C-alpha atoms as a PDB file:
ATOM      1  CA  MET A   1     170.932  81.859 193.089  1.00  0.00           C
ATOM      2  CA  ASN A   2     174.000  81.442 190.970  1.00  0.00           C
ATOM      3  CA  THR A   3     172.015  79.292 188.567  1.00  0.00           C
ATOM      4  CA  LYS A   4     169.418  82.049 188.166  1.00  0.00           C
ATOM      5  CA  TYR A   5     172.024  84.713 187.308  1.00  0.00           C
ATOM      6  CA  GLN A   6     173.847  82.314 185.048  1.00  0.00           C
ATOM      7  CA  LYS A   7     170.658  81.764 183.007  1.00  0.00           C
ATOM      8  CA  LEU A   8     170.025  85.524 182.804  1.00  0.00           C
ATOM      9  CA  PHE A   9     173.586  86.150 181.706  1.00  0.00           C
ATOM     10  CA  LYS A  10     173.349  83.405 179.116  1.00  0.00           C
ATOM     11  CA  HIS A  11     170.075  84.908 177.760  1.00  0.00           C
ATOM     12  CA  GLU A  12     171.653  88.370 177.389  1.00  0.00           C
ATOM     13  CA  HIS A  13     174.726  86.816 175.805  1.00  0.00           C
ATOM     14  CA  ASP A  14     172.562  84.981 173.236  1.00  0.00           C
ATOM     15  CA  GLU A  15     170.669  88.206 172.371  1.00  0.00           C
ATOM     16  CA  GLY A  16     173.986  89.962 171.915  1.00  0.00           C
ATOM     17  CA  HIS A  17     174.919  87.402 169.295  1.00  0.00           C
ATOM     18  CA  PHE A  18     171.515  87.577 167.590  1.00  0.00           C
ATOM     19  CA  TRP A  19     171.257  91.332 166.928  1.00  0.00           C
ATOM     20  CA  PRO A  20     174.654  91.810 165.262  1.00  0.00           C
ATOM     21  CA  SER A  21     173.853  88.866 162.998  1.00  0.00           C
ATOM     22  CA  PHE A  22     170.476  90.336 162.068  1.00  0.00           C
ATOM     23  CA  THR A  23     172.054  93.740 161.396  1.00  0.00           C
ATOM     24  CA  ASP A  24     174.651  92.132 159.154  1.00  0.00           C
ATOM     25  CA  LEU A  25     171.867  90.441 157.213  1.00  0.00           C
ATOM     26  CA  LEU A  26     169.998  93.728 156.715  1.00  0.00           C
ATOM     27  CA  THR A  27     173.213  95.419 155.622  1.00  0.00           C
ATOM     28  CA  THR A  28     173.892  92.669 153.115  1.00  0.00           C
ATOM     29  CA  ILE A  29     170.352  92.931 151.696  1.00  0.00           C
ATOM     30  CA  LEU A  30     170.634  96.718 151.471  1.00  0.00           C
ATOM     31  CA  LEU A  31     173.976  96.508 149.665  1.00  0.00           C
ATOM     32  CA  PHE A  32     172.498  93.936 147.285  1.00  0.00           C
ATOM     33  CA  PHE A  33     169.624  96.224 146.323  1.00  0.00           C
ATOM     34  CA  MET A  34     171.977  99.189 146.019  1.00  0.00           C
ATOM     35  CA  LEU A  35     174.113  97.142 143.636  1.00  0.00           C
ATOM     36  CA  ILE A  36     171.044  96.274 141.551  1.00  0.00           C
ATOM     37  CA  PHE A  37     169.995  99.941 141.516  1.00  0.00           C
ATOM     38  CA  ILE A  38     173.454 101.068 140.362  1.00  0.00           C
ATOM     39  CA  CYS A  39     173.477  98.440 137.614  1.00  0.00           C
ATOM     40  CA  MET A  40     170.024  99.557 136.454  1.00  0.00           C
ATOM     41  CA  MET A  41     171.138 103.190 136.387  1.00  0.00           C
ATOM     42  CA  ILE A  42     174.214 102.297 134.324  1.00  0.00           C
ATOM     43  CA  ILE A  43     172.102 100.314 131.858  1.00  0.00           C
ATOM     44  CA  LYS A  44     169.563 103.162 131.670  1.00  0.00           C
ATOM     45  CA  SER A  45     172.321 105.674 131.051  1.00  0.00           C
ATOM     46  CA  LEU A  46     173.716 103.568 128.219  1.00  0.00           C
ATOM     47  CA  GLU A  47     170.236 103.201 126.707  1.00  0.00           C
ATOM     48  CA  ILE A  48     169.692 106.977 126.857  1.00  0.00           C
ATOM     49  CA  GLU A  49     173.034 107.638 125.193  1.00  0.00           C
ATOM     50  CA  GLU A  50     172.213 105.133 122.473  1.00  0.00           C
ATOM     51  CA  MET A  51     168.795 106.747 121.999  1.00  0.00           C
ATOM     52  CA  LYS A  52     170.383 110.187 121.735  1.00  0.00           C
ATOM     53  CA  GLU A  53     172.808 108.910 119.117  1.00  0.00           C
ATOM     54  CA  THR A  54     169.909 107.443 117.122  1.00  0.00           C
ATOM     55  CA  ILE A  55     167.954 110.680 117.353  1.00  0.00           C
ATOM     56  CA  ASP A  56     170.953 112.772 116.346  1.00  0.00           C
ATOM     57  CA  GLN A  57     171.560 110.457 113.411  1.00  0.00           C
ATOM     58  CA  ILE A  58     167.997 110.827 112.143  1.00  0.00           C
ATOM     59  CA  MET A  59     167.995 114.574 112.696  1.00  0.00           C
ATOM     60  CA  GLY A  60     171.308 114.690 110.863  1.00  0.00           C
ATOM     61  CA  VAL A  61     169.650 113.097 107.843  1.00  0.00           C
ATOM     62  CA  ARG A  62     167.101 115.923 107.752  1.00  0.00           C
ATOM     63  CA  ALA A  63     169.776 118.581 108.095  1.00  0.00           C
ATOM     64  CA  GLN A  64     171.756 117.046 105.242  1.00  0.00           C
ATOM     65  CA  LEU A  65     168.647 116.776 103.062  1.00  0.00           C
ATOM     66  CA  VAL A  66     167.767 120.422 103.712  1.00  0.00           C
ATOM     67  CA  LYS A  67     171.319 121.384 102.778  1.00  0.00           C
ATOM     68  CA  GLU A  68     171.201 119.433  99.525  1.00  0.00           C
ATOM     69  CA  LEU A  69     167.742 120.737  98.606  1.00  0.00           C
ATOM     70  CA  LYS A  70     168.978 124.296  99.087  1.00  0.00           C
ATOM     71  CA  GLU A  71     171.990 123.577  96.920  1.00  0.00           C
ATOM     72  CA  GLU A  72     169.721 122.162  94.212  1.00  0.00           C
ATOM     73  CA  PHE A  73     167.006 124.823  94.259  1.00  0.00           C
ATOM     74  CA  GLY A  74     168.649 127.805  95.949  1.00  0.00           C
ATOM     75  CA  ASP A  75     169.480 129.495  92.651  1.00  0.00           C
ATOM     76  CA  SER A  76     166.548 128.065  90.750  1.00  0.00           C
ATOM     77  CA  ASN A  77     164.327 130.268  88.573  1.00  0.00           C
ATOM     78  CA  LEU A  78     161.267 128.192  89.508  1.00  0.00           C
ATOM     79  CA  GLY A  79     160.147 130.742  92.079  1.00  0.00           C
ATOM     80  CA  ILE A  80     160.121 128.355  95.029  1.00  0.00           C
ATOM     81  CA  GLU A  81     161.033 128.772  98.684  1.00  0.00           C
ATOM     82  CA  ILE A  82     162.778 126.240 100.916  1.00  0.00           C
ATOM     83  CA  ASP A  83     162.028 126.071 104.638  1.00  0.00           C
ATOM     84  CA  ASP A  84     165.418 126.132 106.395  1.00  0.00           C
ATOM     85  CA  LYS A  85     164.183 123.992 109.284  1.00  0.00           C
ATOM     86  CA  THR A  86     161.920 121.369 107.707  1.00  0.00           C
ATOM     87  CA  GLY A  87     163.105 121.291 104.100  1.00  0.00           C
ATOM     88  CA  ALA A  88     159.571 121.901 102.820  1.00  0.00           C
ATOM     89  CA  ILE A  89     159.422 123.221  99.265  1.00  0.00           C
ATOM     90  CA  ILE A  90     156.923 126.062  99.096  1.00  0.00           C
ATOM     91  CA  PHE A  91     155.516 127.731  96.008  1.00  0.00           C
ATOM     92  CA  ASN A  92     152.645 130.092  95.449  1.00  0.00           C
ATOM     93  CA  THR A  93     149.604 128.427  93.891  1.00  0.00           C
ATOM     94  CA  GLU A  94     149.593 131.105  91.146  1.00  0.00           C
ATOM     95  CA  ILE A  95     152.297 128.979  89.520  1.00  0.00           C
ATOM     96  CA  LEU A  96     149.893 126.072  89.243  1.00  0.00           C
ATOM     97  CA  PHE A  97     146.297 127.273  89.654  1.00  0.00           C
ATOM     98  CA  ALA A  98     144.085 130.200  88.880  1.00  0.00           C
ATOM     99  CA  TYR A  99     142.398 131.887  91.833  1.00  0.00           C
ATOM    100  CA  ASN A 100     139.700 129.705  93.387  1.00  0.00           C
ATOM    101  CA  ASP A 101     140.395 126.883  90.914  1.00  0.00           C
ATOM    102  CA  ASP A 102     141.789 123.374  91.350  1.00  0.00           C
ATOM    103  CA  GLU A 103     142.571 122.619  87.698  1.00  0.00           C
ATOM    104  CA  LEU A 104     146.248 122.806  86.784  1.00  0.00           C
ATOM    105  CA  LYS A 105     147.215 125.597  84.401  1.00  0.00           C
ATOM    106  CA  PRO A 106     148.724 124.498  81.061  1.00  0.00           C
ATOM    107  CA  GLU A 107     152.079 126.072  81.983  1.00  0.00           C
ATOM    108  CA  SER A 108     152.139 124.253  85.321  1.00  0.00           C
ATOM    109  CA  PHE A 109     152.988 120.965  83.587  1.00  0.00           C
ATOM    110  CA  VAL A 110     156.310 122.407  82.422  1.00  0.00           C
ATOM    111  CA  PHE A 111     157.022 123.546  85.971  1.00  0.00           C
ATOM    112  CA  LEU A 112     156.243 120.127  87.463  1.00  0.00           C
ATOM    113  CA  ASP A 113     158.219 118.318  84.767  1.00  0.00           C
ATOM    114  CA  GLU A 114     161.275 120.325  85.764  1.00  0.00           C
ATOM    115  CA  PHE A 115     160.777 120.436  89.524  1.00  0.00           C
ATOM    116  CA  VAL A 116     159.618 116.921  90.464  1.00  0.00           C
ATOM    117  CA  PRO A 117     162.527 114.899  88.971  1.00  0.00           C
ATOM    118  CA  LYS A 118     165.112 117.171  90.598  1.00  0.00           C
ATOM    119  CA  TYR A 119     163.275 117.042  93.918  1.00  0.00           C
ATOM    120  CA  LEU A 120     163.020 113.268  93.945  1.00  0.00           C
ATOM    121  CA  ASP A 121     166.562 112.762  92.681  1.00  0.00           C
ATOM    122  CA  THR A 122     167.717 114.542  95.830  1.00  0.00           C
ATOM    123  CA  LEU A 123     165.199 113.023  98.217  1.00  0.00           C
ATOM    124  CA  LEU A 124     165.290 109.400  97.100  1.00  0.00           C
ATOM    125  CA  LYS A 125     168.872 108.903  96.074  1.00  0.00           C
ATOM    126  CA  SER A 126     170.997 106.176  97.646  1.00  0.00           C
ATOM    127  CA  GLY A 127     171.457 106.715 101.364  1.00  0.00           C
ATOM    128  CA  TYR A 128     168.226 108.642 101.896  1.00  0.00           C
ATOM    129  CA  GLU A 129     165.413 106.570 100.427  1.00  0.00           C
ATOM    130  CA  ASP A 130     165.257 104.118 103.338  1.00  0.00           C
ATOM    131  CA  SER A 131     164.951 107.028 105.770  1.00  0.00           C
ATOM    132  CA  ILE A 132     161.966 108.619 104.017  1.00  0.00           C
ATOM    133  CA  ALA A 133     158.596 107.525 105.404  1.00  0.00           C
ATOM    134  CA  GLU A 134     156.367 109.874 103.385  1.00  0.00           C
ATOM    135  CA  ILE A 135     156.459 112.463 100.650  1.00  0.00           C
ATOM    136  CA  ILE A 136     153.552 114.826 101.203  1.00  0.00           C
ATOM    137  CA  ILE A 137     151.862 117.224  98.795  1.00  0.00           C
ATOM    138  CA  GLU A 138     150.023 119.708 100.996  1.00  0.00           C
ATOM    139  CA  GLY A 139     147.507 122.332  99.909  1.00  0.00           C
ATOM    140  CA  HIS A 140     146.929 125.665 101.690  1.00  0.00           C
ATOM    141  CA  THR A 141     144.408 128.438 101.028  1.00  0.00           C
ATOM    142  CA  ASP A 142     143.665 131.976 102.133  1.00  0.00           C
ATOM    143  CA  ARG A 143     140.802 132.889 104.492  1.00  0.00           C
ATOM    144  CA  ASP A 144     138.242 133.631 101.792  1.00  0.00           C
ATOM    145  CA  GLY A 145     135.247 131.342 102.246  1.00  0.00           C
ATOM    146  CA  THR A 146     134.450 128.772 104.911  1.00  0.00           C
ATOM    147  CA  TYR A 147     136.878 126.351 106.476  1.00  0.00           C
ATOM    148  CA  LEU A 148     135.218 123.354 104.806  1.00  0.00           C
ATOM    149  CA  TYR A 149     135.179 125.005 101.401  1.00  0.00           C
ATOM    150  CA  ASN A 150     138.895 125.780 101.656  1.00  0.00           C
ATOM    151  CA  LEU A 151     139.632 122.340 103.077  1.00  0.00           C
ATOM    152  CA  GLU A 152     138.132 120.795  99.956  1.00  0.00           C
ATOM    153  CA  LEU A 153     139.802 123.288  97.605  1.00  0.00           C
ATOM    154  CA  ALA A 154     143.267 122.697  99.094  1.00  0.00           C
ATOM    155  CA  GLN A 155     142.732 118.943  98.989  1.00  0.00           C
ATOM    156  CA  LYS A 156     141.652 119.025  95.341  1.00  0.00           C
ATOM    157  CA  ARG A 157     144.687 121.110  94.407  1.00  0.00           C
ATOM    158  CA  ALA A 158     147.049 118.684  96.138  1.00  0.00           C
ATOM    159  CA  TYR A 159     145.254 115.818  94.428  1.00  0.00           C
ATOM    160  CA  SER A 160     145.561 117.495  91.007  1.00  0.00           C
ATOM    161  CA  VAL A 161     149.329 117.722  91.425  1.00  0.00           C
ATOM    162  CA  ALA A 162     149.557 114.100  92.576  1.00  0.00           C
ATOM    163  CA  ALA A 163     147.270 112.895  89.775  1.00  0.00           C
ATOM    164  CA  TYR A 164     149.473 114.492  87.148  1.00  0.00           C
ATOM    165  CA  ILE A 165     152.822 113.207  88.400  1.00  0.00           C
ATOM    166  CA  LEU A 166     151.362 109.715  88.854  1.00  0.00           C
ATOM    167  CA  GLY A 167     149.382 109.806  85.600  1.00  0.00           C
ATOM    168  CA  ASP A 168     150.026 108.800  82.001  1.00  0.00           C
ATOM    169  CA  GLU A 169     150.995 112.315  80.879  1.00  0.00           C
ATOM    170  CA  PHE A 170     153.969 112.581  83.229  1.00  0.00           C
ATOM    171  CA  PRO A 171     157.102 111.825  81.164  1.00  0.00           C
ATOM    172  CA  PHE A 172     159.307 110.395  83.936  1.00  0.00           C
ATOM    173  CA  LYS A 173     157.790 106.959  84.476  1.00  0.00           C
ATOM    174  CA  HIS A 174     160.688 105.614  86.567  1.00  0.00           C
ATOM    175  CA  ILE A 175     159.799 108.110  89.304  1.00  0.00           C
ATOM    176  CA  GLN A 176     156.229 106.920  89.671  1.00  0.00           C
ATOM    177  CA  ASP A 177     157.046 103.595  91.305  1.00  0.00           C
ATOM    178  CA  HIS A 178     158.915 105.365  94.098  1.00  0.00           C
ATOM    179  CA  LEU A 179     156.126 107.891  94.553  1.00  0.00           C
ATOM    180  CA  GLU A 180     153.356 105.315  94.788  1.00  0.00           C
ATOM    181  CA  LYS A 181     155.031 103.785  97.829  1.00  0.00           C
ATOM    182  CA  LYS A 182     155.490 107.045  99.690  1.00  0.00           C
ATOM    183  CA  LEU A 183     153.204 109.771  98.343  1.00  0.00           C
ATOM    184  CA  THR A 184     150.280 111.177 100.349  1.00  0.00           C
ATOM    185  CA  ILE A 185     148.229 114.332  99.922  1.00  0.00           C
ATOM    186  CA  ASN A 186     147.006 116.645 102.631  1.00  0.00           C
ATOM    187  CA  SER A 187     144.909 119.763 103.108  1.00  0.00           C
ATOM    188  CA  LYS A 188     145.393 122.445 105.740  1.00  0.00           C
ATOM    189  CA  SER A 189     142.588 124.731 104.549  1.00  0.00           C
ATOM    190  CA  TYR A 190     143.489 128.194 105.944  1.00  0.00           C
ATOM    191  CA  THR A 191     144.740 127.000 109.343  1.00  0.00           C
ATOM    192  CA  ASP A 192     148.406 127.644 108.534  1.00  0.00           C
ATOM    193  CA  ASP A 193     148.322 131.078 106.926  1.00  0.00           C
ATOM    194  CA  ARG A 194     151.411 133.165 106.239  1.00  0.00           C
ATOM    195  CA  THR A 195     152.467 136.747 106.879  1.00  0.00           C
ATOM    196  CA  ASP A 196     154.433 139.329 104.935  1.00  0.00           C
ATOM    197  CA  GLN A 197     157.719 140.903 106.000  1.00  0.00           C
ATOM    198  CA  GLU A 198     155.885 143.304 108.303  1.00  0.00           C
ATOM    199  CA  GLY A 199     154.157 140.406 110.077  1.00  0.00           C
ATOM    200  CA  ASN A 200     150.734 141.081 108.577  1.00  0.00           C
ATOM    201  CA  TYR A 201     148.490 138.350 107.217  1.00  0.00           C
ATOM    202  CA  SER A 202     149.090 137.763 103.509  1.00  0.00           C
ATOM    203  CA  ALA A 203     146.352 136.098 101.491  1.00  0.00           C
ATOM    204  CA  GLU A 204     148.631 135.762  98.466  1.00  0.00           C
ATOM    205  CA  GLN A 205     151.403 133.981 100.378  1.00  0.00           C
ATOM    206  CA  SER A 206     148.899 131.823 102.245  1.00  0.00           C
ATOM    207  CA  ARG A 207     147.676 130.336  98.953  1.00  0.00           C
ATOM    208  CA  ARG A 208     150.353 127.762  98.278  1.00  0.00           C
ATOM    209  CA  VAL A 209     151.259 124.146  97.700  1.00  0.00           C
ATOM    210  CA  GLU A 210     154.073 122.497  99.647  1.00  0.00           C
ATOM    211  CA  PHE A 211     156.161 119.422  98.954  1.00  0.00           C
ATOM    212  CA  LYS A 212     157.239 117.970 102.284  1.00  0.00           C
ATOM    213  CA  PHE A 213     158.900 114.822 103.537  1.00  0.00           C
ATOM    214  CA  ARG A 214     158.658 112.911 106.789  1.00  0.00           C
ATOM    215  CA  LEU A 215     161.430 110.724 108.125  1.00  0.00           C
ATOM    216  CA  LYS A 216     160.655 107.341 109.642  1.00  0.00           C
ATOM    217  CA  ASP A 217     159.736 107.548 113.357  1.00  0.00           C
ATOM    218  CA  GLU A 218     160.657 111.224 113.338  1.00  0.00           C
ATOM    219  CA  GLU A 219     157.701 112.462 115.400  1.00  0.00           C
ATOM    220  CA  ILE A 220     158.251 109.916 118.164  1.00  0.00           C
ATOM    221  CA  LEU A 221     161.972 110.582 118.210  1.00  0.00           C
ATOM    222  CA  GLU A 222     161.456 114.337 118.334  1.00  0.00           C
ATOM    223  CA  LYS A 223     159.211 113.984 121.395  1.00  0.00           C
ATOM    224  CA  THR A 224     161.689 111.573 122.964  1.00  0.00           C
ATOM    225  CA  ARG A 225     164.535 114.028 122.474  1.00  0.00           C
ATOM    226  CA  GLY A 226     162.446 116.731 124.116  1.00  0.00           C
ATOM    227  CA  ILE A 227     161.847 114.512 127.141  1.00  0.00           C
ATOM    228  CA  LEU A 228     165.544 113.624 127.357  1.00  0.00           C
ATOM    229  CA  ASN A 229     166.397 117.334 127.262  1.00  0.00           C
ATOM    230  CA  GLY A 230     163.944 118.035 130.074  1.00  0.00           C
ATOM    231  CA  ASP A 231     161.176 119.704 128.068  1.00  0.00           C
ATOM    232  CA  SER A 232     157.700 119.523 129.537  1.00  0.00           C
ATOM    233  CA  PRO A 233     155.198 117.254 127.663  1.00  0.00           C
ATOM    234  CA  SER A 234     152.951 120.246 126.962  1.00  0.00           C
ATOM    235  CA  SER A 235     155.711 121.956 124.987  1.00  0.00           C
ATOM    236  CA  LEU A 236     156.211 119.019 122.612  1.00  0.00           C
END
């Protein structure tokens, strides 16, 4: 009888030793994974901070470029407008083209000869050139006519400007090498029309040509910053 109870006691005693040991093992494993998780969160946090710094640096380049473009052209008599947010240079097509025409006016060459060197001297000077991915000449029209007709008209106007400043008649040859590496042309037809001060559609202001620039990786970084700030993907 004593032998029977001794065996039972020994069995319970062995189980008592087993379960604390197993619990300690689980606790150790859990702490290990928690440590890995904390390390991953720290690394992720550092990566996010580094990404934010990179984004802010690139956005700072745009802000500085906009500032310098406004200083250069703010008091200009060229009749141009500067977008405070994007730095786009906007001018009415009446400066360059007759209504419904894509051939440059004779007086437009004087305008381009004065504007383009100053624009590129600001945009491509030391410290900025490596940040510029594209320089874009973009044509816009009013709503007269079909979308396709205006798409072609705006494209031809942008091309006419590009053809002149890259052609033999343009007097500033040293600029052309820089432009060939970065210049593109674009047409928006009438999809990005403009309004007057009262908020009404303005055909005259909608007919325009814009000089724009795009910074390297800017679109991706802008979306990334939106995600980091908690914006929904649909709003980007």
